[in-house]
Amino acid sequence: MPIVTIQQGPRDTELKRDLVKRVTDAFVDAYGVPAESVQVWIHEVPADSWGAAGRLTADR
């Protein structure tokens, strides 16, 4: 059973719904597994709780 973890900043529910569908479809196509076996976990991190290139994402 594939488990996919996505770490990202907050997004609206409709965008996440579309993302989960697309990721699931990719695993179904690539591995030939049933969609029911694919789990997608979205971990949303606030912009003031992560950074890149030495700066908080919130400061960009």
C-alpha atoms as a PDB file:
ATOM      1  CA  MET A   1       0.000   0.000   0.000  1.00  0.00           C
ATOM      2  CA  PRO A   2       1.673   3.268  -1.099  1.00  0.00           C
ATOM      3  CA  ILE A   3       1.659   6.064   1.461  1.00  0.00           C
ATOM      4  CA  VAL A   4       2.530   9.525   0.153  1.00  0.00           C
ATOM      5  CA  THR A   5       3.310  12.382   2.548  1.00  0.00           C
ATOM      6  CA  ILE A   6       3.131  15.924   1.231  1.00  0.00           C
ATOM      7  CA  GLN A   7       4.502  18.759   3.314  1.00  0.00           C
ATOM      8  CA  GLN A   8       3.352  22.187   2.236  1.00  0.00           C
ATOM      9  CA  GLY A   9       1.984  25.511   3.332  1.00  0.00           C
ATOM     10  CA  PRO A  10      -1.758  25.815   3.850  1.00  0.00           C
ATOM     11  CA  ARG A  11      -3.939  25.471   0.752  1.00  0.00           C
ATOM     12  CA  ASP A  12      -7.706  25.496   0.317  1.00  0.00           C
ATOM     13  CA  THR A  13      -9.677  22.262   0.399  1.00  0.00           C
ATOM     14  CA  GLU A  14     -10.487  22.224  -3.314  1.00  0.00           C
ATOM     15  CA  LEU A  15      -6.795  22.379  -4.267  1.00  0.00           C
ATOM     16  CA  LYS A  16      -5.974  19.576  -1.825  1.00  0.00           C
ATOM     17  CA  ARG A  17      -8.848  17.480  -3.153  1.00  0.00           C
ATOM     18  CA  ASP A  18      -7.449  17.821  -6.684  1.00  0.00           C
ATOM     19  CA  LEU A  19      -3.901  17.054  -5.516  1.00  0.00           C
ATOM     20  CA  VAL A  20      -4.970  13.858  -3.722  1.00  0.00           C
ATOM     21  CA  LYS A  21      -6.828  12.699  -6.841  1.00  0.00           C
ATOM     22  CA  ARG A  22      -3.861  13.370  -9.116  1.00  0.00           C
ATOM     23  CA  VAL A  23      -1.336  11.706  -6.805  1.00  0.00           C
ATOM     24  CA  THR A  24      -3.602   8.676  -6.434  1.00  0.00           C
ATOM     25  CA  ASP A  25      -4.083   8.437 -10.203  1.00  0.00           C
ATOM     26  CA  ALA A  26      -0.307   8.605 -10.720  1.00  0.00           C
ATOM     27  CA  PHE A  27       0.246   5.610  -8.436  1.00  0.00           C
ATOM     28  CA  VAL A  28      -2.579   3.692 -10.059  1.00  0.00           C
ATOM     29  CA  ASP A  29      -1.058   4.346 -13.500  1.00  0.00           C
ATOM     30  CA  ALA A  30       2.573   3.735 -12.514  1.00  0.00           C
ATOM     31  CA  TYR A  31       2.189   0.736 -10.209  1.00  0.00           C
ATOM     32  CA  GLY A  32      -1.126  -0.752 -11.283  1.00  0.00           C
ATOM     33  CA  VAL A  33      -2.430  -0.709  -7.713  1.00  0.00           C
ATOM     34  CA  PRO A  34      -6.071  -0.110  -6.832  1.00  0.00           C
ATOM     35  CA  ALA A  35      -6.894   3.478  -5.891  1.00  0.00           C
ATOM     36  CA  GLU A  36      -8.212   2.233  -2.546  1.00  0.00           C
ATOM     37  CA  SER A  37      -4.699   1.169  -1.563  1.00  0.00           C
ATOM     38  CA  VAL A  38      -3.133   4.619  -2.021  1.00  0.00           C
ATOM     39  CA  GLN A  39      -3.001   6.877   1.027  1.00  0.00           C
ATOM     40  CA  VAL A  40      -2.061  10.551   0.747  1.00  0.00           C
ATOM     41  CA  TRP A  41      -1.239  12.501   3.895  1.00  0.00           C
ATOM     42  CA  ILE A  42      -1.016  16.276   3.709  1.00  0.00           C
ATOM     43  CA  HIS A  43       0.948  17.949   6.468  1.00  0.00           C
ATOM     44  CA  GLU A  44       0.406  21.703   6.343  1.00  0.00           C
ATOM     45  CA  VAL A  45       3.038  23.883   7.942  1.00  0.00           C
ATOM     46  CA  PRO A  46       2.407  27.573   8.647  1.00  0.00           C
ATOM     47  CA  ALA A  47       4.698  29.987   6.776  1.00  0.00           C
ATOM     48  CA  ASP A  48       6.227  31.135  10.064  1.00  0.00           C
ATOM     49  CA  SER A  49       7.246  27.574  10.952  1.00  0.00           C
ATOM     50  CA  TRP A  50       9.559  26.742   8.058  1.00  0.00           C
ATOM     51  CA  GLY A  51      12.226  28.392   6.008  1.00  0.00           C
ATOM     52  CA  ALA A  52      14.495  28.103   3.009  1.00  0.00           C
ATOM     53  CA  ALA A  53      17.749  29.784   2.037  1.00  0.00           C
ATOM     54  CA  GLY A  54      18.168  31.129   5.566  1.00  0.00           C
ATOM     55  CA  ARG A  55      14.830  32.951   5.716  1.00  0.00           C
ATOM     56  CA  LEU A  56      11.400  32.122   7.061  1.00  0.00           C
ATOM     57  CA  THR A  57       8.894  31.529   4.318  1.00  0.00           C
ATOM     58  CA  ALA A  58       6.659  34.138   6.003  1.00  0.00           C
ATOM     59  CA  ASP A  59       9.348  36.777   5.412  1.00  0.00           C
ATOM     60  CA  ARG A  60       9.476  36.343   1.661  1.00  0.00           C
END
